[in-house]
Amino acid sequence: MFEPVGSAEATLTIYLDGRAIPARAGETISACLLRAGITHFRTTPVSGARRLPFCMIGHCFDCLIEIDGIGSRQACLSQVQTGMRLRTQDGPARIPGLDLPGLDLQ
């Protein structure tokens, strides 16, 4: 009934927090990481609660992740690319070069 978009074989490699993860051409980052058994993509800025993708269509923003050094990217709307570097986003996105007094962006 369901068929994968693109290749059914994992021929690409992406990296989450330094860990190599096999990926399929044409799939989204969310689909790839969920298939790999990843337990969370981000933590919330206020409570630190772990979050996973919920809607898978870009409405809920629970799938935010750092992609190639850019935070707060939606993994459900981004396709995998070989060699991409992902990082679990803990709290708010880091903004390189931004230093606001009294605001800890890590």
PDB file of N, CA and C in Angstrom:
ATOM      1  N   MET A   1       0.816  -1.187   0.000  1.00  0.00           N
ATOM      2  CA  MET A   1       0.000   0.000   0.000  1.00  0.00           C
ATOM      3  C   MET A   1       0.865   1.259   0.000  1.00  0.00           C
ATOM      4  N   PHE A   2       1.929   1.280   0.790  1.00  0.00           N
ATOM      5  CA  PHE A   2       2.799   2.445   0.852  1.00  0.00           C
ATOM      6  C   PHE A   2       4.122   2.124   0.184  1.00  0.00           C
ATOM      7  N   GLU A   3       4.649   3.079  -0.543  1.00  0.00           N
ATOM      8  CA  GLU A   3       5.947   2.907  -1.175  1.00  0.00           C
ATOM      9  C   GLU A   3       6.817   4.099  -0.810  1.00  0.00           C
ATOM     10  N   PRO A   4       8.105   3.855  -0.539  1.00  0.00           N
ATOM     11  CA  PRO A   4       8.989   4.970  -0.198  1.00  0.00           C
ATOM     12  C   PRO A   4       9.184   5.907  -1.379  1.00  0.00           C
ATOM     13  N   VAL A   5       9.383   7.184  -1.082  1.00  0.00           N
ATOM     14  CA  VAL A   5       9.716   8.161  -2.104  1.00  0.00           C
ATOM     15  C   VAL A   5      11.214   8.025  -2.349  1.00  0.00           C
ATOM     16  N   GLY A   6      11.616   7.940  -3.577  1.00  0.00           N
ATOM     17  CA  GLY A   6      13.035   7.783  -3.882  1.00  0.00           C
ATOM     18  C   GLY A   6      13.472   6.344  -3.660  1.00  0.00           C
ATOM     19  N   SER A   7      14.732   6.181  -3.367  1.00  0.00           N
ATOM     20  CA  SER A   7      15.324   4.857  -3.199  1.00  0.00           C
ATOM     21  C   SER A   7      14.853   4.190  -1.911  1.00  0.00           C
ATOM     22  N   ALA A   8      14.592   2.884  -1.980  1.00  0.00           N
ATOM     23  CA  ALA A   8      14.244   2.121  -0.782  1.00  0.00           C
ATOM     24  C   ALA A   8      15.509   1.652  -0.069  1.00  0.00           C
ATOM     25  N   GLU A   9      16.643   1.858  -0.695  1.00  0.00           N
ATOM     26  CA  GLU A   9      17.923   1.437  -0.131  1.00  0.00           C
ATOM     27  C   GLU A   9      18.649   2.648   0.442  1.00  0.00           C
ATOM     28  N   ALA A  10      19.215   2.484   1.633  1.00  0.00           N
ATOM     29  CA  ALA A  10      19.972   3.564   2.269  1.00  0.00           C
ATOM     30  C   ALA A  10      21.356   3.642   1.643  1.00  0.00           C
ATOM     31  N   THR A  11      21.537   4.602   0.748  1.00  0.00           N
ATOM     32  CA  THR A  11      22.804   4.736   0.031  1.00  0.00           C
ATOM     33  C   THR A  11      23.588   5.981   0.433  1.00  0.00           C
ATOM     34  N   LEU A  12      22.988   6.837   1.273  1.00  0.00           N
ATOM     35  CA  LEU A  12      23.639   8.062   1.729  1.00  0.00           C
ATOM     36  C   LEU A  12      23.977   7.925   3.210  1.00  0.00           C
ATOM     37  N   THR A  13      24.836   8.821   3.685  1.00  0.00           N
ATOM     38  CA  THR A  13      25.147   8.873   5.115  1.00  0.00           C
ATOM     39  C   THR A  13      25.006  10.312   5.591  1.00  0.00           C
ATOM     40  N   ILE A  14      24.263  10.499   6.677  1.00  0.00           N
ATOM     41  CA  ILE A  14      24.184  11.792   7.356  1.00  0.00           C
ATOM     42  C   ILE A  14      24.727  11.584   8.761  1.00  0.00           C
ATOM     43  N   TYR A  15      24.974  12.660   9.473  1.00  0.00           N
ATOM     44  CA  TYR A  15      25.567  12.567  10.805  1.00  0.00           C
ATOM     45  C   TYR A  15      24.743  13.372  11.800  1.00  0.00           C
ATOM     46  N   LEU A  16      24.321  12.725  12.870  1.00  0.00           N
ATOM     47  CA  LEU A  16      23.607  13.398  13.955  1.00  0.00           C
ATOM     48  C   LEU A  16      24.487  13.345  15.184  1.00  0.00           C
ATOM     49  N   ASP A  17      24.893  14.503  15.673  1.00  0.00           N
ATOM     50  CA  ASP A  17      25.773  14.601  16.844  1.00  0.00           C
ATOM     51  C   ASP A  17      26.993  13.705  16.675  1.00  0.00           C
ATOM     52  N   GLY A  18      27.517  13.640  15.452  1.00  0.00           N
ATOM     53  CA  GLY A  18      28.700  12.862  15.148  1.00  0.00           C
ATOM     54  C   GLY A  18      28.453  11.402  14.816  1.00  0.00           C
ATOM     55  N   ARG A  19      27.249  10.921  14.996  1.00  0.00           N
ATOM     56  CA  ARG A  19      26.899   9.516  14.723  1.00  0.00           C
ATOM     57  C   ARG A  19      26.453   9.353  13.272  1.00  0.00           C
ATOM     58  N   ALA A  20      27.074   8.417  12.568  1.00  0.00           N
ATOM     59  CA  ALA A  20      26.700   8.148  11.172  1.00  0.00           C
ATOM     60  C   ALA A  20      25.352   7.443  11.121  1.00  0.00           C
ATOM     61  N   ILE A  21      24.467   7.930  10.243  1.00  0.00           N
ATOM     62  CA  ILE A  21      23.136   7.351  10.093  1.00  0.00           C
ATOM     63  C   ILE A  21      22.883   7.120   8.606  1.00  0.00           C
ATOM     64  N   PRO A  22      22.525   5.882   8.225  1.00  0.00           N
ATOM     65  CA  PRO A  22      22.225   5.625   6.815  1.00  0.00           C
ATOM     66  C   PRO A  22      20.930   6.331   6.404  1.00  0.00           C
ATOM     67  N   ALA A  23      20.938   6.897   5.211  1.00  0.00           N
ATOM     68  CA  ALA A  23      19.789   7.648   4.722  1.00  0.00           C
ATOM     69  C   ALA A  23      19.438   7.208   3.308  1.00  0.00           C
ATOM     70  N   ARG A  24      18.185   7.436   2.948  1.00  0.00           N
ATOM     71  CA  ARG A  24      17.682   7.091   1.621  1.00  0.00           C
ATOM     72  C   ARG A  24      17.493   8.369   0.805  1.00  0.00           C
ATOM     73  N   ALA A  25      17.933   8.337  -0.419  1.00  0.00           N
ATOM     74  CA  ALA A  25      17.737   9.487  -1.301  1.00  0.00           C
ATOM     75  C   ALA A  25      16.254   9.810  -1.408  1.00  0.00           C
ATOM     76  N   GLY A  26      15.919  11.092  -1.280  1.00  0.00           N
ATOM     77  CA  GLY A  26      14.537  11.528  -1.422  1.00  0.00           C
ATOM     78  C   GLY A  26      13.742  11.588  -0.146  1.00  0.00           C
ATOM     79  N   GLU A  27      14.266  11.055   0.966  1.00  0.00           N
ATOM     80  CA  GLU A  27      13.499  11.089   2.216  1.00  0.00           C
ATOM     81  C   GLU A  27      13.827  12.353   3.014  1.00  0.00           C
ATOM     82  N   THR A  28      12.927  12.699   3.899  1.00  0.00           N
ATOM     83  CA  THR A  28      13.165  13.856   4.750  1.00  0.00           C
ATOM     84  C   THR A  28      14.077  13.456   5.909  1.00  0.00           C
ATOM     85  N   ILE A  29      14.682  14.462   6.524  1.00  0.00           N
ATOM     86  CA  ILE A  29      15.521  14.215   7.693  1.00  0.00           C
ATOM     87  C   ILE A  29      14.690  13.561   8.793  1.00  0.00           C
ATOM     88  N   SER A  30      13.479  14.049   9.004  1.00  0.00           N
ATOM     89  CA  SER A  30      12.615  13.468  10.045  1.00  0.00           C
ATOM     90  C   SER A  30      12.376  11.987   9.811  1.00  0.00           C
ATOM     91  N   ALA A  31      12.007  11.616   8.585  1.00  0.00           N
ATOM     92  CA  ALA A  31      11.739  10.212   8.284  1.00  0.00           C
ATOM     93  C   ALA A  31      12.977   9.362   8.521  1.00  0.00           C
ATOM     94  N   CYS A  32      14.116   9.861   8.116  1.00  0.00           N
ATOM     95  CA  CYS A  32      15.375   9.137   8.285  1.00  0.00           C
ATOM     96  C   CYS A  32      15.702   8.928   9.766  1.00  0.00           C
ATOM     97  N   LEU A  33      15.606   9.995  10.556  1.00  0.00           N
ATOM     98  CA  LEU A  33      15.957   9.892  11.976  1.00  0.00           C
ATOM     99  C   LEU A  33      14.953   9.044  12.753  1.00  0.00           C
ATOM    100  N   LEU A  34      13.688   9.137  12.408  1.00  0.00           N
ATOM    101  CA  LEU A  34      12.690   8.287  13.063  1.00  0.00           C
ATOM    102  C   LEU A  34      12.939   6.825  12.737  1.00  0.00           C
ATOM    103  N   ARG A  35      13.263   6.536  11.470  1.00  0.00           N
ATOM    104  CA  ARG A  35      13.576   5.165  11.062  1.00  0.00           C
ATOM    105  C   ARG A  35      14.797   4.638  11.804  1.00  0.00           C
ATOM    106  N   ALA A  36      15.741   5.533  12.140  1.00  0.00           N
ATOM    107  CA  ALA A  36      16.966   5.140  12.847  1.00  0.00           C
ATOM    108  C   ALA A  36      16.751   4.999  14.360  1.00  0.00           C
ATOM    109  N   GLY A  37      15.538   5.313  14.838  1.00  0.00           N
ATOM    110  CA  GLY A  37      15.241   5.149  16.260  1.00  0.00           C
ATOM    111  C   GLY A  37      15.702   6.289  17.146  1.00  0.00           C
ATOM    112  N   ILE A  38      15.916   7.468  16.571  1.00  0.00           N
ATOM    113  CA  ILE A  38      16.338   8.627  17.368  1.00  0.00           C
ATOM    114  C   ILE A  38      15.208   9.000  18.321  1.00  0.00           C
ATOM    115  N   THR A  39      15.546   9.254  19.586  1.00  0.00           N
ATOM    116  CA  THR A  39      14.533   9.470  20.624  1.00  0.00           C
ATOM    117  C   THR A  39      14.048  10.911  20.745  1.00  0.00           C
ATOM    118  N   HIS A  40      14.822  11.872  20.279  1.00  0.00           N
ATOM    119  CA  HIS A  40      14.360  13.259  20.264  1.00  0.00           C
ATOM    120  C   HIS A  40      15.239  14.079  19.330  1.00  0.00           C
ATOM    121  N   PHE A  41      14.646  15.146  18.778  1.00  0.00           N
ATOM    122  CA  PHE A  41      15.367  16.025  17.864  1.00  0.00           C
ATOM    123  C   PHE A  41      15.792  17.306  18.567  1.00  0.00           C
ATOM    124  N   ARG A  42      15.032  17.708  19.581  1.00  0.00           N
ATOM    125  CA  ARG A  42      15.320  18.963  20.283  1.00  0.00           C
ATOM    126  C   ARG A  42      14.783  18.897  21.699  1.00  0.00           C
ATOM    127  N   THR A  43      15.165  19.874  22.499  1.00  0.00           N
ATOM    128  CA  THR A  43      14.551  20.079  23.810  1.00  0.00           C
ATOM    129  C   THR A  43      13.963  21.485  23.823  1.00  0.00           C
ATOM    130  N   THR A  44      12.910  21.670  24.582  1.00  0.00           N
ATOM    131  CA  THR A  44      12.251  22.974  24.619  1.00  0.00           C
ATOM    132  C   THR A  44      13.070  23.966  25.444  1.00  0.00           C
ATOM    133  N   PRO A  45      13.024  25.256  25.088  1.00  0.00           N
ATOM    134  CA  PRO A  45      13.809  26.263  25.799  1.00  0.00           C
ATOM    135  C   PRO A  45      13.407  26.455  27.263  1.00  0.00           C
ATOM    136  N   VAL A  46      12.147  26.285  27.601  1.00  0.00           N
ATOM    137  CA  VAL A  46      11.687  26.575  28.960  1.00  0.00           C
ATOM    138  C   VAL A  46      11.839  25.379  29.890  1.00  0.00           C
ATOM    139  N   SER A  47      11.255  24.239  29.541  1.00  0.00           N
ATOM    140  CA  SER A  47      11.252  23.100  30.463  1.00  0.00           C
ATOM    141  C   SER A  47      12.314  22.050  30.157  1.00  0.00           C
ATOM    142  N   GLY A  48      12.892  22.101  28.962  1.00  0.00           N
ATOM    143  CA  GLY A  48      13.864  21.086  28.571  1.00  0.00           C
ATOM    144  C   GLY A  48      13.224  19.780  28.130  1.00  0.00           C
ATOM    145  N   ALA A  49      11.910  19.784  27.891  1.00  0.00           N
ATOM    146  CA  ALA A  49      11.208  18.575  27.451  1.00  0.00           C
ATOM    147  C   ALA A  49      11.720  18.134  26.078  1.00  0.00           C
ATOM    148  N   ARG A  50      11.854  16.826  25.903  1.00  0.00           N
ATOM    149  CA  ARG A  50      12.295  16.271  24.627  1.00  0.00           C
ATOM    150  C   ARG A  50      11.141  16.261  23.632  1.00  0.00           C
ATOM    151  N   ARG A  51      11.458  16.585  22.392  1.00  0.00           N
ATOM    152  CA  ARG A  51      10.423  16.664  21.362  1.00  0.00           C
ATOM    153  C   ARG A  51      10.834  15.862  20.133  1.00  0.00           C
ATOM    154  N   LEU A  52       9.837  15.262  19.498  1.00  0.00           N
ATOM    155  CA  LEU A  52       9.964  14.550  18.231  1.00  0.00           C
ATOM    156  C   LEU A  52       8.997  15.172  17.238  1.00  0.00           C
ATOM    157  N   PRO A  53       9.143  14.874  15.946  1.00  0.00           N
ATOM    158  CA  PRO A  53       8.170  15.373  14.977  1.00  0.00           C
ATOM    159  C   PRO A  53       6.756  14.914  15.347  1.00  0.00           C
ATOM    160  N   PHE A  54       5.805  15.784  15.104  1.00  0.00           N
ATOM    161  CA  PHE A  54       4.412  15.472  15.415  1.00  0.00           C
ATOM    162  C   PHE A  54       3.568  15.447  14.147  1.00  0.00           C
ATOM    163  N   CYS A  55       3.543  16.561  13.422  1.00  0.00           N
ATOM    164  CA  CYS A  55       2.631  16.647  12.276  1.00  0.00           C
ATOM    165  C   CYS A  55       3.258  16.142  10.973  1.00  0.00           C
ATOM    166  N   MET A  56       4.554  16.249  10.837  1.00  0.00           N
ATOM    167  CA  MET A  56       5.307  15.844   9.639  1.00  0.00           C
ATOM    168  C   MET A  56       4.942  16.642   8.378  1.00  0.00           C
ATOM    169  N   ILE A  57       4.284  17.808   8.555  1.00  0.00           N
ATOM    170  CA  ILE A  57       3.960  18.654   7.401  1.00  0.00           C
ATOM    171  C   ILE A  57       4.329  20.121   7.631  1.00  0.00           C
ATOM    172  N   GLY A  58       5.133  20.401   8.645  1.00  0.00           N
ATOM    173  CA  GLY A  58       5.641  21.752   8.847  1.00  0.00           C
ATOM    174  C   GLY A  58       4.800  22.701   9.669  1.00  0.00           C
ATOM    175  N   HIS A  59       3.753  22.215  10.314  1.00  0.00           N
ATOM    176  CA  HIS A  59       2.884  23.101  11.089  1.00  0.00           C
ATOM    177  C   HIS A  59       3.277  23.230  12.557  1.00  0.00           C
ATOM    178  N   CYS A  60       3.803  22.177  13.166  1.00  0.00           N
ATOM    179  CA  CYS A  60       3.952  22.166  14.625  1.00  0.00           C
ATOM    180  C   CYS A  60       5.321  22.612  15.136  1.00  0.00           C
ATOM    181  N   PHE A  61       6.366  22.570  14.350  1.00  0.00           N
ATOM    182  CA  PHE A  61       7.721  22.980  14.723  1.00  0.00           C
ATOM    183  C   PHE A  61       8.340  22.124  15.828  1.00  0.00           C
ATOM    184  N   ASP A  62       7.821  20.923  16.056  1.00  0.00           N
ATOM    185  CA  ASP A  62       8.428  20.030  17.044  1.00  0.00           C
ATOM    186  C   ASP A  62       9.668  19.329  16.505  1.00  0.00           C
ATOM    187  N   CYS A  63       9.910  19.408  15.213  1.00  0.00           N
ATOM    188  CA  CYS A  63      11.043  18.710  14.603  1.00  0.00           C
ATOM    189  C   CYS A  63      12.266  19.606  14.414  1.00  0.00           C
ATOM    190  N   LEU A  64      12.308  20.756  15.092  1.00  0.00           N
ATOM    191  CA  LEU A  64      13.438  21.672  14.895  1.00  0.00           C
ATOM    192  C   LEU A  64      14.758  21.004  15.245  1.00  0.00           C
ATOM    193  N   ILE A  65      15.757  21.241  14.411  1.00  0.00           N
ATOM    194  CA  ILE A  65      17.069  20.626  14.559  1.00  0.00           C
ATOM    195  C   ILE A  65      18.092  21.566  13.930  1.00  0.00           C
ATOM    196  N   GLU A  66      19.344  21.426  14.321  1.00  0.00           N
ATOM    197  CA  GLU A  66      20.402  22.206  13.686  1.00  0.00           C
ATOM    198  C   GLU A  66      20.902  21.429  12.472  1.00  0.00           C
ATOM    199  N   ILE A  67      20.888  22.090  11.320  1.00  0.00           N
ATOM    200  CA  ILE A  67      21.330  21.478  10.066  1.00  0.00           C
ATOM    201  C   ILE A  67      22.523  22.259   9.537  1.00  0.00           C
ATOM    202  N   ASP A  68      23.665  21.596   9.454  1.00  0.00           N
ATOM    203  CA  ASP A  68      24.890  22.214   8.947  1.00  0.00           C
ATOM    204  C   ASP A  68      25.163  23.570   9.605  1.00  0.00           C
ATOM    205  N   GLY A  69      25.009  23.617  10.925  1.00  0.00           N
ATOM    206  CA  GLY A  69      25.346  24.813  11.694  1.00  0.00           C
ATOM    207  C   GLY A  69      24.252  25.857  11.799  1.00  0.00           C
ATOM    208  N   ILE A  70      23.102  25.621  11.187  1.00  0.00           N
ATOM    209  CA  ILE A  70      21.989  26.578  11.241  1.00  0.00           C
ATOM    210  C   ILE A  70      20.868  25.964  12.065  1.00  0.00           C
ATOM    211  N   GLY A  71      20.526  26.613  13.194  1.00  0.00           N
ATOM    212  CA  GLY A  71      19.526  26.086  14.097  1.00  0.00           C
ATOM    213  C   GLY A  71      18.101  26.394  13.677  1.00  0.00           C
ATOM    214  N   SER A  72      17.164  25.757  14.391  1.00  0.00           N
ATOM    215  CA  SER A  72      15.729  25.960  14.195  1.00  0.00           C
ATOM    216  C   SER A  72      15.268  25.672  12.769  1.00  0.00           C
ATOM    217  N   ARG A  73      15.843  24.636  12.164  1.00  0.00           N
ATOM    218  CA  ARG A  73      15.406  24.188  10.841  1.00  0.00           C
ATOM    219  C   ARG A  73      14.403  23.058  11.023  1.00  0.00           C
ATOM    220  N   GLN A  74      13.409  22.993  10.173  1.00  0.00           N
ATOM    221  CA  GLN A  74      12.385  21.960  10.266  1.00  0.00           C
ATOM    222  C   GLN A  74      12.849  20.698   9.536  1.00  0.00           C
ATOM    223  N   ALA A  75      13.080  19.647  10.293  1.00  0.00           N
ATOM    224  CA  ALA A  75      13.571  18.386   9.731  1.00  0.00           C
ATOM    225  C   ALA A  75      12.528  17.709   8.848  1.00  0.00           C
ATOM    226  N   CYS A  76      11.243  17.965   9.105  1.00  0.00           N
ATOM    227  CA  CYS A  76      10.194  17.307   8.316  1.00  0.00           C
ATOM    228  C   CYS A  76      10.068  17.904   6.921  1.00  0.00           C
ATOM    229  N   LEU A  77      10.624  19.091   6.702  1.00  0.00           N
ATOM    230  CA  LEU A  77      10.528  19.747   5.396  1.00  0.00           C
ATOM    231  C   LEU A  77      11.857  19.734   4.643  1.00  0.00           C
ATOM    232  N   SER A  78      12.895  19.162   5.241  1.00  0.00           N
ATOM    233  CA  SER A  78      14.228  19.178   4.639  1.00  0.00           C
ATOM    234  C   SER A  78      14.633  17.776   4.208  1.00  0.00           C
ATOM    235  N   GLN A  79      15.046  17.633   2.971  1.00  0.00           N
ATOM    236  CA  GLN A  79      15.491  16.331   2.470  1.00  0.00           C
ATOM    237  C   GLN A  79      16.944  16.084   2.874  1.00  0.00           C
ATOM    238  N   VAL A  80      17.271  14.813   3.056  1.00  0.00           N
ATOM    239  CA  VAL A  80      18.640  14.440   3.397  1.00  0.00           C
ATOM    240  C   VAL A  80      19.564  14.729   2.220  1.00  0.00           C
ATOM    241  N   GLN A  81      20.790  15.074   2.546  1.00  0.00           N
ATOM    242  CA  GLN A  81      21.850  15.249   1.563  1.00  0.00           C
ATOM    243  C   GLN A  81      23.073  14.552   2.114  1.00  0.00           C
ATOM    244  N   THR A  82      23.779  13.844   1.291  1.00  0.00           N
ATOM    245  CA  THR A  82      24.912  13.077   1.768  1.00  0.00           C
ATOM    246  C   THR A  82      25.917  13.958   2.506  1.00  0.00           C
ATOM    247  N   GLY A  83      26.342  13.478   3.667  1.00  0.00           N
ATOM    248  CA  GLY A  83      27.341  14.169   4.460  1.00  0.00           C
ATOM    249  C   GLY A  83      26.829  15.287   5.341  1.00  0.00           C
ATOM    250  N   MET A  84      25.518  15.577   5.310  1.00  0.00           N
ATOM    251  CA  MET A  84      25.019  16.691   6.115  1.00  0.00           C
ATOM    252  C   MET A  84      25.253  16.425   7.593  1.00  0.00           C
ATOM    253  N   ARG A  85      25.532  17.496   8.322  1.00  0.00           N
ATOM    254  CA  ARG A  85      25.809  17.424   9.754  1.00  0.00           C
ATOM    255  C   ARG A  85      24.623  18.004  10.516  1.00  0.00           C
ATOM    256  N   LEU A  86      24.035  17.166  11.356  1.00  0.00           N
ATOM    257  CA  LEU A  86      22.885  17.561  12.166  1.00  0.00           C
ATOM    258  C   LEU A  86      23.297  17.571  13.623  1.00  0.00           C
ATOM    259  N   ARG A  87      22.640  18.419  14.395  1.00  0.00           N
ATOM    260  CA  ARG A  87      22.896  18.458  15.820  1.00  0.00           C
ATOM    261  C   ARG A  87      21.570  18.588  16.542  1.00  0.00           C
ATOM    262  N   THR A  88      21.402  17.773  17.583  1.00  0.00           N
ATOM    263  CA  THR A  88      20.213  17.889  18.420  1.00  0.00           C
ATOM    264  C   THR A  88      20.191  19.306  18.983  1.00  0.00           C
ATOM    265  N   GLN A  89      19.055  19.972  18.850  1.00  0.00           N
ATOM    266  CA  GLN A  89      18.953  21.356  19.311  1.00  0.00           C
ATOM    267  C   GLN A  89      18.471  21.377  20.754  1.00  0.00           C
ATOM    268  N   ASP A  90      19.333  21.807  21.642  1.00  0.00           N
ATOM    269  CA  ASP A  90      18.980  21.920  23.062  1.00  0.00           C
ATOM    270  C   ASP A  90      18.579  23.350  23.363  1.00  0.00           C
ATOM    271  N   GLY A  91      17.294  23.556  23.627  1.00  0.00           N
ATOM    272  CA  GLY A  91      16.787  24.896  23.906  1.00  0.00           C
ATOM    273  C   GLY A  91      16.698  25.717  22.632  1.00  0.00           C
ATOM    274  N   PRO A  92      16.906  27.056  22.746  1.00  0.00           N
ATOM    275  CA  PRO A  92      16.806  27.905  21.562  1.00  0.00           C
ATOM    276  C   PRO A  92      17.996  27.694  20.633  1.00  0.00           C
ATOM    277  N   ALA A  93      17.832  28.077  19.400  1.00  0.00           N
ATOM    278  CA  ALA A  93      18.917  27.951  18.426  1.00  0.00           C
ATOM    279  C   ALA A  93      20.070  28.857  18.812  1.00  0.00           C
ATOM    280  N   ARG A  94      21.286  28.384  18.546  1.00  0.00           N
ATOM    281  CA  ARG A  94      22.462  29.230  18.735  1.00  0.00           C
ATOM    282  C   ARG A  94      22.553  30.187  17.564  1.00  0.00           C
ATOM    283  N   ILE A  95      22.906  31.421  17.848  1.00  0.00           N
ATOM    284  CA  ILE A  95      23.064  32.408  16.794  1.00  0.00           C
ATOM    285  C   ILE A  95      24.502  32.907  16.858  1.00  0.00           C
ATOM    286  N   PRO A  96      25.358  32.419  15.961  1.00  0.00           N
ATOM    287  CA  PRO A  96      26.766  32.808  15.996  1.00  0.00           C
ATOM    288  C   PRO A  96      26.935  34.318  15.891  1.00  0.00           C
ATOM    289  N   GLY A  97      27.764  34.875  16.768  1.00  0.00           N
ATOM    290  CA  GLY A  97      28.063  36.297  16.735  1.00  0.00           C
ATOM    291  C   GLY A  97      27.064  37.175  17.455  1.00  0.00           C
ATOM    292  N   LEU A  98      25.963  36.609  17.924  1.00  0.00           N
ATOM    293  CA  LEU A  98      24.963  37.413  18.626  1.00  0.00           C
ATOM    294  C   LEU A  98      25.197  37.312  20.121  1.00  0.00           C
ATOM    295  N   ASP A  99      25.443  38.433  20.750  1.00  0.00           N
ATOM    296  CA  ASP A  99      25.683  38.461  22.191  1.00  0.00           C
ATOM    297  C   ASP A  99      24.762  39.502  22.818  1.00  0.00           C
ATOM    298  N   LEU A 100      23.637  39.033  23.353  1.00  0.00           N
ATOM    299  CA  LEU A 100      22.682  39.941  23.977  1.00  0.00           C
ATOM    300  C   LEU A 100      22.849  39.875  25.479  1.00  0.00           C
ATOM    301  N   PRO A 101      23.051  40.999  26.158  1.00  0.00           N
ATOM    302  CA  PRO A 101      23.205  40.985  27.623  1.00  0.00           C
ATOM    303  C   PRO A 101      21.980  40.366  28.304  1.00  0.00           C
ATOM    304  N   GLY A 102      22.232  39.465  29.231  1.00  0.00           N
ATOM    305  CA  GLY A 102      21.153  38.856  30.017  1.00  0.00           C
ATOM    306  C   GLY A 102      20.427  37.737  29.303  1.00  0.00           C
ATOM    307  N   LEU A 103      20.827  37.416  28.070  1.00  0.00           N
ATOM    308  CA  LEU A 103      20.168  36.369  27.308  1.00  0.00           C
ATOM    309  C   LEU A 103      21.192  35.288  26.987  1.00  0.00           C
ATOM    310  N   ASP A 104      21.009  34.109  27.564  1.00  0.00           N
ATOM    311  CA  ASP A 104      21.936  33.018  27.352  1.00  0.00           C
ATOM    312  C   ASP A 104      21.450  32.159  26.201  1.00  0.00           C
ATOM    313  N   LEU A 105      22.064  32.297  25.031  1.00  0.00           N
ATOM    314  CA  LEU A 105      21.683  31.497  23.872  1.00  0.00           C
ATOM    315  C   LEU A 105      22.613  30.310  23.675  1.00  0.00           C
ATOM    316  N   GLN A 106      23.554  30.143  24.549  1.00  0.00           N
ATOM    317  CA  GLN A 106      24.550  29.060  24.538  1.00  0.00           C
ATOM    318  C   GLN A 106      25.392  29.161  23.333  1.00  0.00           C
TER     319      GLN A 106
END
